[in-house]
Full PDB file with SEQRES, HELIX, SHEET, SSBOND, CRYST1, ORIGX, SCALE, CONECT and MASTER records, all heavy atoms in Angstrom:
SEQRES   1 A   32  GLN LYS ASN ASP ALA GLY LEU GLN LEU ASN VAL LYS ARG          
SEQRES   2 A   32  TYR VAL GLU PHE PHE ALA PRO LEU ALA LYS LYS LEU LYS          
SEQRES   3 A   32  ALA ALA GLY LYS THR ILE                                      
HELIX    1 AA1 ASP A    4  ALA A   27  1                                  24    
CRYST1    1.000    1.000    1.000  90.00  90.00  90.00 P 1           1          
ORIGX1      1.000000  0.000000  0.000000        0.00000                         
ORIGX2      0.000000  1.000000  0.000000        0.00000                         
ORIGX3      0.000000  0.000000  1.000000        0.00000                         
SCALE1      1.000000  0.000000  0.000000        0.00000                         
SCALE2      0.000000  1.000000  0.000000        0.00000                         
SCALE3      0.000000  0.000000  1.000000        0.00000                         
ATOM      1  N   GLN A   1      13.684  15.150  11.032  1.00  0.00           N  
ATOM      2  CA  GLN A   1      12.823  16.181  10.454  1.00  0.00           C  
ATOM      3  C   GLN A   1      11.515  16.259  11.234  1.00  0.00           C  
ATOM      4  O   GLN A   1      10.456  15.910  10.734  1.00  0.00           O  
ATOM      5  CB  GLN A   1      12.520  15.881   8.980  1.00  0.00           C  
ATOM      6  CG  GLN A   1      13.735  15.886   8.085  1.00  0.00           C  
ATOM      7  CD  GLN A   1      13.333  15.640   6.640  1.00  0.00           C  
ATOM      8  OE1 GLN A   1      12.352  16.181   6.152  1.00  0.00           O  
ATOM      9  NE2 GLN A   1      14.095  14.810   5.956  1.00  0.00           N  
ATOM     10  N   LYS A   2      11.584  16.678  12.465  1.00  0.00           N  
ATOM     11  CA  LYS A   2      10.377  16.759  13.281  1.00  0.00           C  
ATOM     12  C   LYS A   2       9.687  18.095  13.001  1.00  0.00           C  
ATOM     13  O   LYS A   2       9.702  19.022  13.796  1.00  0.00           O  
ATOM     14  CB  LYS A   2      10.711  16.620  14.759  1.00  0.00           C  
ATOM     15  CG  LYS A   2       9.486  16.321  15.613  1.00  0.00           C  
ATOM     16  CD  LYS A   2       9.881  15.835  16.981  1.00  0.00           C  
ATOM     17  CE  LYS A   2       8.645  15.401  17.761  1.00  0.00           C  
ATOM     18  NZ  LYS A   2       8.977  14.884  19.087  1.00  0.00           N  
ATOM     19  N   ASN A   3       9.081  18.175  11.824  1.00  0.00           N  
ATOM     20  CA  ASN A   3       8.427  19.391  11.364  1.00  0.00           C  
ATOM     21  C   ASN A   3       7.388  19.005  10.323  1.00  0.00           C  
ATOM     22  O   ASN A   3       7.164  17.815  10.063  1.00  0.00           O  
ATOM     23  CB  ASN A   3       9.463  20.363  10.787  1.00  0.00           C  
ATOM     24  CG  ASN A   3      10.367  19.687   9.769  1.00  0.00           C  
ATOM     25  OD1 ASN A   3       9.924  18.825   9.009  1.00  0.00           O  
ATOM     26  ND2 ASN A   3      11.642  20.054   9.775  1.00  0.00           N  
ATOM     27  N   ASP A   4       6.737  20.003   9.717  1.00  0.00           N  
ATOM     28  CA  ASP A   4       5.697  19.710   8.735  1.00  0.00           C  
ATOM     29  C   ASP A   4       6.236  18.915   7.553  1.00  0.00           C  
ATOM     30  O   ASP A   4       5.579  18.001   7.053  1.00  0.00           O  
ATOM     31  CB  ASP A   4       5.068  21.013   8.238  1.00  0.00           C  
ATOM     32  CG  ASP A   4       4.193  21.667   9.295  1.00  0.00           C  
ATOM     33  OD1 ASP A   4       3.873  20.987  10.292  1.00  0.00           O  
ATOM     34  OD2 ASP A   4       3.829  22.839   9.129  1.00  0.00           O  
ATOM     35  N   ALA A   5       7.446  19.264   7.124  1.00  0.00           N  
ATOM     36  CA  ALA A   5       8.038  18.539   6.001  1.00  0.00           C  
ATOM     37  C   ALA A   5       8.256  17.074   6.365  1.00  0.00           C  
ATOM     38  O   ALA A   5       8.052  16.174   5.542  1.00  0.00           O  
ATOM     39  CB  ALA A   5       9.345  19.191   5.587  1.00  0.00           C  
ATOM     40  N   GLY A   6       8.658  16.832   7.606  1.00  0.00           N  
ATOM     41  CA  GLY A   6       8.852  15.463   8.055  1.00  0.00           C  
ATOM     42  C   GLY A   6       7.551  14.687   8.084  1.00  0.00           C  
ATOM     43  O   GLY A   6       7.490  13.525   7.673  1.00  0.00           O  
ATOM     44  N   LEU A   7       6.500  15.312   8.562  1.00  0.00           N  
ATOM     45  CA  LEU A   7       5.186  14.658   8.592  1.00  0.00           C  
ATOM     46  C   LEU A   7       4.722  14.315   7.183  1.00  0.00           C  
ATOM     47  O   LEU A   7       4.202  13.225   6.924  1.00  0.00           O  
ATOM     48  CB  LEU A   7       4.163  15.580   9.264  1.00  0.00           C  
ATOM     49  CG  LEU A   7       4.296  15.780  10.775  1.00  0.00           C  
ATOM     50  CD1 LEU A   7       3.381  16.905  11.245  1.00  0.00           C  
ATOM     51  CD2 LEU A   7       3.951  14.503  11.518  1.00  0.00           C  
ATOM     52  N   GLN A   8       4.877  15.242   6.265  1.00  0.00           N  
ATOM     53  CA  GLN A   8       4.452  15.005   4.879  1.00  0.00           C  
ATOM     54  C   GLN A   8       5.272  13.887   4.245  1.00  0.00           C  
ATOM     55  O   GLN A   8       4.732  13.048   3.508  1.00  0.00           O  
ATOM     56  CB  GLN A   8       4.571  16.303   4.081  1.00  0.00           C  
ATOM     57  CG  GLN A   8       3.587  17.368   4.539  1.00  0.00           C  
ATOM     58  CD  GLN A   8       3.924  18.747   4.015  1.00  0.00           C  
ATOM     59  OE1 GLN A   8       4.755  18.893   3.110  1.00  0.00           O  
ATOM     60  NE2 GLN A   8       3.293  19.768   4.571  1.00  0.00           N  
ATOM     61  N   LEU A   9       6.573  13.869   4.549  1.00  0.00           N  
ATOM     62  CA  LEU A   9       7.417  12.787   4.046  1.00  0.00           C  
ATOM     63  C   LEU A   9       6.929  11.447   4.558  1.00  0.00           C  
ATOM     64  O   LEU A   9       6.857  10.465   3.804  1.00  0.00           O  
ATOM     65  CB  LEU A   9       8.868  13.022   4.487  1.00  0.00           C  
ATOM     66  CG  LEU A   9       9.848  11.857   4.233  1.00  0.00           C  
ATOM     67  CD1 LEU A   9      10.011  11.605   2.744  1.00  0.00           C  
ATOM     68  CD2 LEU A   9      11.194  12.140   4.887  1.00  0.00           C  
ATOM     69  N   ASN A  10       6.585  11.382   5.841  1.00  0.00           N  
ATOM     70  CA  ASN A  10       6.095  10.133   6.423  1.00  0.00           C  
ATOM     71  C   ASN A  10       4.894   9.609   5.662  1.00  0.00           C  
ATOM     72  O   ASN A  10       4.824   8.430   5.291  1.00  0.00           O  
ATOM     73  CB  ASN A  10       5.690  10.350   7.884  1.00  0.00           C  
ATOM     74  CG  ASN A  10       6.845  10.770   8.753  1.00  0.00           C  
ATOM     75  OD1 ASN A  10       7.998  10.596   8.391  1.00  0.00           O  
ATOM     76  ND2 ASN A  10       6.532  11.327   9.899  1.00  0.00           N  
ATOM     77  N   VAL A  11       3.903  10.486   5.447  1.00  0.00           N  
ATOM     78  CA  VAL A  11       2.670  10.056   4.796  1.00  0.00           C  
ATOM     79  C   VAL A  11       2.945   9.597   3.370  1.00  0.00           C  
ATOM     80  O   VAL A  11       2.467   8.533   2.940  1.00  0.00           O  
ATOM     81  CB  VAL A  11       1.636  11.203   4.821  1.00  0.00           C  
ATOM     82  CG1 VAL A  11       0.427  10.857   3.960  1.00  0.00           C  
ATOM     83  CG2 VAL A  11       1.191  11.492   6.256  1.00  0.00           C  
ATOM     84  N   LYS A  12       3.725  10.345   2.627  1.00  0.00           N  
ATOM     85  CA  LYS A  12       3.988   9.986   1.229  1.00  0.00           C  
ATOM     86  C   LYS A  12       4.732   8.659   1.130  1.00  0.00           C  
ATOM     87  O   LYS A  12       4.401   7.807   0.295  1.00  0.00           O  
ATOM     88  CB  LYS A  12       4.795  11.098   0.558  1.00  0.00           C  
ATOM     89  CG  LYS A  12       3.991  12.378   0.330  1.00  0.00           C  
ATOM     90  CD  LYS A  12       4.849  13.464  -0.318  1.00  0.00           C  
ATOM     91  CE  LYS A  12       4.044  14.733  -0.544  1.00  0.00           C  
ATOM     92  NZ  LYS A  12       4.865  15.801  -1.174  1.00  0.00           N  
ATOM     93  N   ARG A  13       5.762   8.474   1.981  1.00  0.00           N  
ATOM     94  CA  ARG A  13       6.522   7.239   1.916  1.00  0.00           C  
ATOM     95  C   ARG A  13       5.675   6.029   2.308  1.00  0.00           C  
ATOM     96  O   ARG A  13       5.771   4.965   1.698  1.00  0.00           O  
ATOM     97  CB  ARG A  13       7.747   7.328   2.845  1.00  0.00           C  
ATOM     98  CG  ARG A  13       8.914   8.095   2.250  1.00  0.00           C  
ATOM     99  CD  ARG A  13       9.584   7.326   1.112  1.00  0.00           C  
ATOM    100  NE  ARG A  13      10.022   6.007   1.508  1.00  0.00           N  
ATOM    101  CZ  ARG A  13      11.175   5.747   2.131  1.00  0.00           C  
ATOM    102  NH1 ARG A  13      12.001   6.722   2.412  1.00  0.00           N  
ATOM    103  NH2 ARG A  13      11.501   4.528   2.452  1.00  0.00           N  
ATOM    104  N   TYR A  14       4.837   6.192   3.310  1.00  0.00           N  
ATOM    105  CA  TYR A  14       4.007   5.063   3.721  1.00  0.00           C  
ATOM    106  C   TYR A  14       2.966   4.714   2.661  1.00  0.00           C  
ATOM    107  O   TYR A  14       2.632   3.545   2.472  1.00  0.00           O  
ATOM    108  CB  TYR A  14       3.339   5.335   5.075  1.00  0.00           C  
ATOM    109  CG  TYR A  14       4.133   4.767   6.217  1.00  0.00           C  
ATOM    110  CD1 TYR A  14       4.965   5.576   6.982  1.00  0.00           C  
ATOM    111  CD2 TYR A  14       4.076   3.419   6.527  1.00  0.00           C  
ATOM    112  CE1 TYR A  14       5.705   5.048   8.028  1.00  0.00           C  
ATOM    113  CE2 TYR A  14       4.812   2.879   7.568  1.00  0.00           C  
ATOM    114  CZ  TYR A  14       5.623   3.706   8.315  1.00  0.00           C  
ATOM    115  OH  TYR A  14       6.363   3.173   9.335  1.00  0.00           O  
ATOM    116  N   VAL A  15       2.447   5.712   1.970  1.00  0.00           N  
ATOM    117  CA  VAL A  15       1.511   5.406   0.885  1.00  0.00           C  
ATOM    118  C   VAL A  15       2.224   4.652  -0.230  1.00  0.00           C  
ATOM    119  O   VAL A  15       1.697   3.674  -0.777  1.00  0.00           O  
ATOM    120  CB  VAL A  15       0.854   6.702   0.351  1.00  0.00           C  
ATOM    121  CG1 VAL A  15       0.061   6.402  -0.920  1.00  0.00           C  
ATOM    122  CG2 VAL A  15      -0.062   7.304   1.406  1.00  0.00           C  
ATOM    123  N   GLU A  16       3.421   5.072  -0.579  1.00  0.00           N  
ATOM    124  CA  GLU A  16       4.202   4.358  -1.599  1.00  0.00           C  
ATOM    125  C   GLU A  16       4.438   2.899  -1.183  1.00  0.00           C  
ATOM    126  O   GLU A  16       4.344   1.973  -1.990  1.00  0.00           O  
ATOM    127  CB  GLU A  16       5.541   5.053  -1.812  1.00  0.00           C  
ATOM    128  CG  GLU A  16       5.445   6.416  -2.479  1.00  0.00           C  
ATOM    129  CD  GLU A  16       6.784   7.133  -2.502  1.00  0.00           C  
ATOM    130  OE1 GLU A  16       7.786   6.533  -2.046  1.00  0.00           O  
ATOM    131  OE2 GLU A  16       6.834   8.291  -2.972  1.00  0.00           O  
ATOM    132  N   PHE A  17       4.733   2.726   0.092  1.00  0.00           N  
ATOM    133  CA  PHE A  17       4.990   1.393   0.621  1.00  0.00           C  
ATOM    134  C   PHE A  17       3.734   0.531   0.613  1.00  0.00           C  
ATOM    135  O   PHE A  17       3.769  -0.664   0.301  1.00  0.00           O  
ATOM    136  CB  PHE A  17       5.562   1.539   2.035  1.00  0.00           C  
ATOM    137  CG  PHE A  17       5.676   0.246   2.797  1.00  0.00           C  
ATOM    138  CD1 PHE A  17       6.493  -0.775   2.349  1.00  0.00           C  
ATOM    139  CD2 PHE A  17       4.983   0.059   3.975  1.00  0.00           C  
ATOM    140  CE1 PHE A  17       6.624  -1.958   3.052  1.00  0.00           C  
ATOM    141  CE2 PHE A  17       5.099  -1.117   4.684  1.00  0.00           C  
ATOM    142  CZ  PHE A  17       5.920  -2.133   4.223  1.00  0.00           C  
ATOM    143  N   PHE A  18       2.602   1.160   0.951  1.00  0.00           N  
ATOM    144  CA  PHE A  18       1.336   0.437   1.099  1.00  0.00           C  
ATOM    145  C   PHE A  18       0.692   0.124  -0.243  1.00  0.00           C  
ATOM    146  O   PHE A  18      -0.041  -0.858  -0.371  1.00  0.00           O  
ATOM    147  CB  PHE A  18       0.402   1.304   1.948  1.00  0.00           C  
ATOM    148  CG  PHE A  18      -0.981   0.752   2.147  1.00  0.00           C  
ATOM    149  CD1 PHE A  18      -1.183  -0.512   2.668  1.00  0.00           C  
ATOM    150  CD2 PHE A  18      -2.097   1.519   1.838  1.00  0.00           C  
ATOM    151  CE1 PHE A  18      -2.458  -1.011   2.879  1.00  0.00           C  
ATOM    152  CE2 PHE A  18      -3.372   1.028   2.039  1.00  0.00           C  
ATOM    153  CZ  PHE A  18      -3.560  -0.240   2.562  1.00  0.00           C  
ATOM    154  N   ALA A  19       0.930   0.941  -1.261  1.00  0.00           N  
ATOM    155  CA  ALA A  19       0.189   0.850  -2.518  1.00  0.00           C  
ATOM    156  C   ALA A  19       0.201  -0.549  -3.137  1.00  0.00           C  
ATOM    157  O   ALA A  19      -0.871  -1.078  -3.483  1.00  0.00           O  
ATOM    158  CB  ALA A  19       0.709   1.894  -3.506  1.00  0.00           C  
ATOM    159  N   PRO A  20       1.343  -1.200  -3.302  1.00  0.00           N  
ATOM    160  CA  PRO A  20       1.321  -2.535  -3.934  1.00  0.00           C  
ATOM    161  C   PRO A  20       0.519  -3.551  -3.133  1.00  0.00           C  
ATOM    162  O   PRO A  20      -0.200  -4.380  -3.706  1.00  0.00           O  
ATOM    163  CB  PRO A  20       2.808  -2.923  -3.994  1.00  0.00           C  
ATOM    164  CG  PRO A  20       3.547  -1.646  -3.900  1.00  0.00           C  
ATOM    165  CD  PRO A  20       2.725  -0.764  -3.025  1.00  0.00           C  
ATOM    166  N   LEU A  21       0.622  -3.489  -1.811  1.00  0.00           N  
ATOM    167  CA  LEU A  21      -0.125  -4.414  -0.963  1.00  0.00           C  
ATOM    168  C   LEU A  21      -1.626  -4.163  -1.091  1.00  0.00           C  
ATOM    169  O   LEU A  21      -2.419  -5.105  -1.229  1.00  0.00           O  
ATOM    170  CB  LEU A  21       0.317  -4.264   0.491  1.00  0.00           C  
ATOM    171  CG  LEU A  21      -0.429  -5.109   1.524  1.00  0.00           C  
ATOM    172  CD1 LEU A  21      -0.292  -6.592   1.236  1.00  0.00           C  
ATOM    173  CD2 LEU A  21       0.068  -4.790   2.930  1.00  0.00           C  
ATOM    174  N   ALA A  22      -2.036  -2.896  -1.029  1.00  0.00           N  
ATOM    175  CA  ALA A  22      -3.453  -2.558  -1.122  1.00  0.00           C  
ATOM    176  C   ALA A  22      -4.047  -3.038  -2.444  1.00  0.00           C  
ATOM    177  O   ALA A  22      -5.155  -3.598  -2.487  1.00  0.00           O  
ATOM    178  CB  ALA A  22      -3.625  -1.048  -0.984  1.00  0.00           C  
ATOM    179  N   LYS A  23      -3.315  -2.854  -3.526  1.00  0.00           N  
ATOM    180  CA  LYS A  23      -3.827  -3.263  -4.841  1.00  0.00           C  
ATOM    181  C   LYS A  23      -4.012  -4.771  -4.915  1.00  0.00           C  
ATOM    182  O   LYS A  23      -4.999  -5.266  -5.475  1.00  0.00           O  
ATOM    183  CB  LYS A  23      -2.863  -2.784  -5.927  1.00  0.00           C  
ATOM    184  CG  LYS A  23      -2.829  -1.275  -6.104  1.00  0.00           C  
ATOM    185  CD  LYS A  23      -1.763  -0.865  -7.102  1.00  0.00           C  
ATOM    186  CE  LYS A  23      -1.661   0.650  -7.219  1.00  0.00           C  
ATOM    187  NZ  LYS A  23      -0.568   1.060  -8.132  1.00  0.00           N  
ATOM    188  N   LYS A  24      -3.082  -5.513  -4.349  1.00  0.00           N  
ATOM    189  CA  LYS A  24      -3.189  -6.976  -4.386  1.00  0.00           C  
ATOM    190  C   LYS A  24      -4.364  -7.471  -3.543  1.00  0.00           C  
ATOM    191  O   LYS A  24      -5.080  -8.399  -3.926  1.00  0.00           O  
ATOM    192  CB  LYS A  24      -1.881  -7.607  -3.925  1.00  0.00           C  
ATOM    193  CG  LYS A  24      -0.714  -7.390  -4.883  1.00  0.00           C  
ATOM    194  CD  LYS A  24       0.570  -7.989  -4.356  1.00  0.00           C  
ATOM    195  CE  LYS A  24       1.756  -7.635  -5.271  1.00  0.00           C  
ATOM    196  NZ  LYS A  24       1.607  -8.221  -6.620  1.00  0.00           N  
ATOM    197  N   LEU A  25      -4.568  -6.853  -2.393  1.00  0.00           N  
ATOM    198  CA  LEU A  25      -5.683  -7.262  -1.542  1.00  0.00           C  
ATOM    199  C   LEU A  25      -7.028  -6.919  -2.180  1.00  0.00           C  
ATOM    200  O   LEU A  25      -7.980  -7.699  -2.104  1.00  0.00           O  
ATOM    201  CB  LEU A  25      -5.552  -6.602  -0.164  1.00  0.00           C  
ATOM    202  CG  LEU A  25      -4.410  -7.124   0.713  1.00  0.00           C  
ATOM    203  CD1 LEU A  25      -4.282  -6.290   1.987  1.00  0.00           C  
ATOM    204  CD2 LEU A  25      -4.603  -8.600   1.058  1.00  0.00           C  
ATOM    205  N   LYS A  26      -7.134  -5.735  -2.779  1.00  0.00           N  
ATOM    206  CA  LYS A  26      -8.389  -5.365  -3.434  1.00  0.00           C  
ATOM    207  C   LYS A  26      -8.661  -6.294  -4.612  1.00  0.00           C  
ATOM    208  O   LYS A  26      -9.803  -6.687  -4.858  1.00  0.00           O  
ATOM    209  CB  LYS A  26      -8.339  -3.912  -3.915  1.00  0.00           C  
ATOM    210  CG  LYS A  26      -8.459  -2.877  -2.822  1.00  0.00           C  
ATOM    211  CD  LYS A  26      -9.685  -3.062  -1.933  1.00  0.00           C  
ATOM    212  CE  LYS A  26     -10.994  -2.838  -2.672  1.00  0.00           C  
ATOM    213  NZ  LYS A  26     -12.160  -2.996  -1.756  1.00  0.00           N  
ATOM    214  N   ALA A  27      -7.622  -6.652  -5.353  1.00  0.00           N  
ATOM    215  CA  ALA A  27      -7.794  -7.564  -6.484  1.00  0.00           C  
ATOM    216  C   ALA A  27      -8.297  -8.932  -6.025  1.00  0.00           C  
ATOM    217  O   ALA A  27      -8.972  -9.642  -6.777  1.00  0.00           O  
ATOM    218  CB  ALA A  27      -6.474  -7.717  -7.245  1.00  0.00           C  
ATOM    219  N   ALA A  28      -7.971  -9.277  -4.777  1.00  0.00           N  
ATOM    220  CA  ALA A  28      -8.433 -10.551  -4.212  1.00  0.00           C  
ATOM    221  C   ALA A  28      -9.803 -10.419  -3.551  1.00  0.00           C  
ATOM    222  O   ALA A  28     -10.287 -11.368  -2.933  1.00  0.00           O  
ATOM    223  CB  ALA A  28      -7.416 -11.062  -3.202  1.00  0.00           C  
ATOM    224  N   GLY A  29     -10.408  -9.249  -3.658  1.00  0.00           N  
ATOM    225  CA  GLY A  29     -11.751  -9.043  -3.109  1.00  0.00           C  
ATOM    226  C   GLY A  29     -11.791  -8.752  -1.631  1.00  0.00           C  
ATOM    227  O   GLY A  29     -12.847  -8.894  -0.999  1.00  0.00           O  
ATOM    228  N   LYS A  30     -10.672  -8.317  -1.054  1.00  0.00           N  
ATOM    229  CA  LYS A  30     -10.623  -8.051   0.380  1.00  0.00           C  
ATOM    230  C   LYS A  30     -11.124  -6.642   0.699  1.00  0.00           C  
ATOM    231  O   LYS A  30     -10.993  -5.714  -0.093  1.00  0.00           O  
ATOM    232  CB  LYS A  30      -9.196  -8.213   0.905  1.00  0.00           C  
ATOM    233  CG  LYS A  30      -8.634  -9.612   0.723  1.00  0.00           C  
ATOM    234  CD  LYS A  30      -9.491 -10.646   1.425  1.00  0.00           C  
ATOM    235  CE  LYS A  30      -9.006 -12.047   1.179  1.00  0.00           C  
ATOM    236  NZ  LYS A  30      -9.898 -13.060   1.787  1.00  0.00           N  
ATOM    237  N   THR A  31     -11.689  -6.507   1.906  1.00  0.00           N  
ATOM    238  CA  THR A  31     -12.070  -5.204   2.444  1.00  0.00           C  
ATOM    239  C   THR A  31     -10.873  -4.652   3.200  1.00  0.00           C  
ATOM    240  O   THR A  31     -10.345  -5.318   4.090  1.00  0.00           O  
ATOM    241  CB  THR A  31     -13.271  -5.336   3.398  1.00  0.00           C  
ATOM    242  OG1 THR A  31     -14.362  -5.894   2.677  1.00  0.00           O  
ATOM    243  CG2 THR A  31     -13.673  -3.983   3.964  1.00  0.00           C  
ATOM    244  N   ILE A  32     -10.435  -3.453   2.844  1.00  0.00           N  
ATOM    245  CA  ILE A  32      -9.212  -2.944   3.452  1.00  0.00           C  
ATOM    246  C   ILE A  32      -9.372  -1.495   3.893  1.00  0.00           C  
ATOM    247  O   ILE A  32     -10.228  -0.750   3.414  1.00  0.00           O  
ATOM    248  CB  ILE A  32      -8.006  -3.045   2.495  1.00  0.00           C  
ATOM    249  CG1 ILE A  32      -8.238  -2.199   1.238  1.00  0.00           C  
ATOM    250  CG2 ILE A  32      -7.710  -4.486   2.141  1.00  0.00           C  
ATOM    251  CD1 ILE A  32      -6.998  -2.037   0.388  1.00  0.00           C  
TER     252      ILE A  32                                                      
MASTER        0    0    0    1    0    0    0    6  251    1    0    3          
END                                                                             
């Protein structure tokens, strides 16, 4: 999907993937 829909999919999926990690690091007082 090398198009706008593909780009949007990339961003959404990576945010979903990153969210649990980001929350745990912030809870530990980390700068992220």
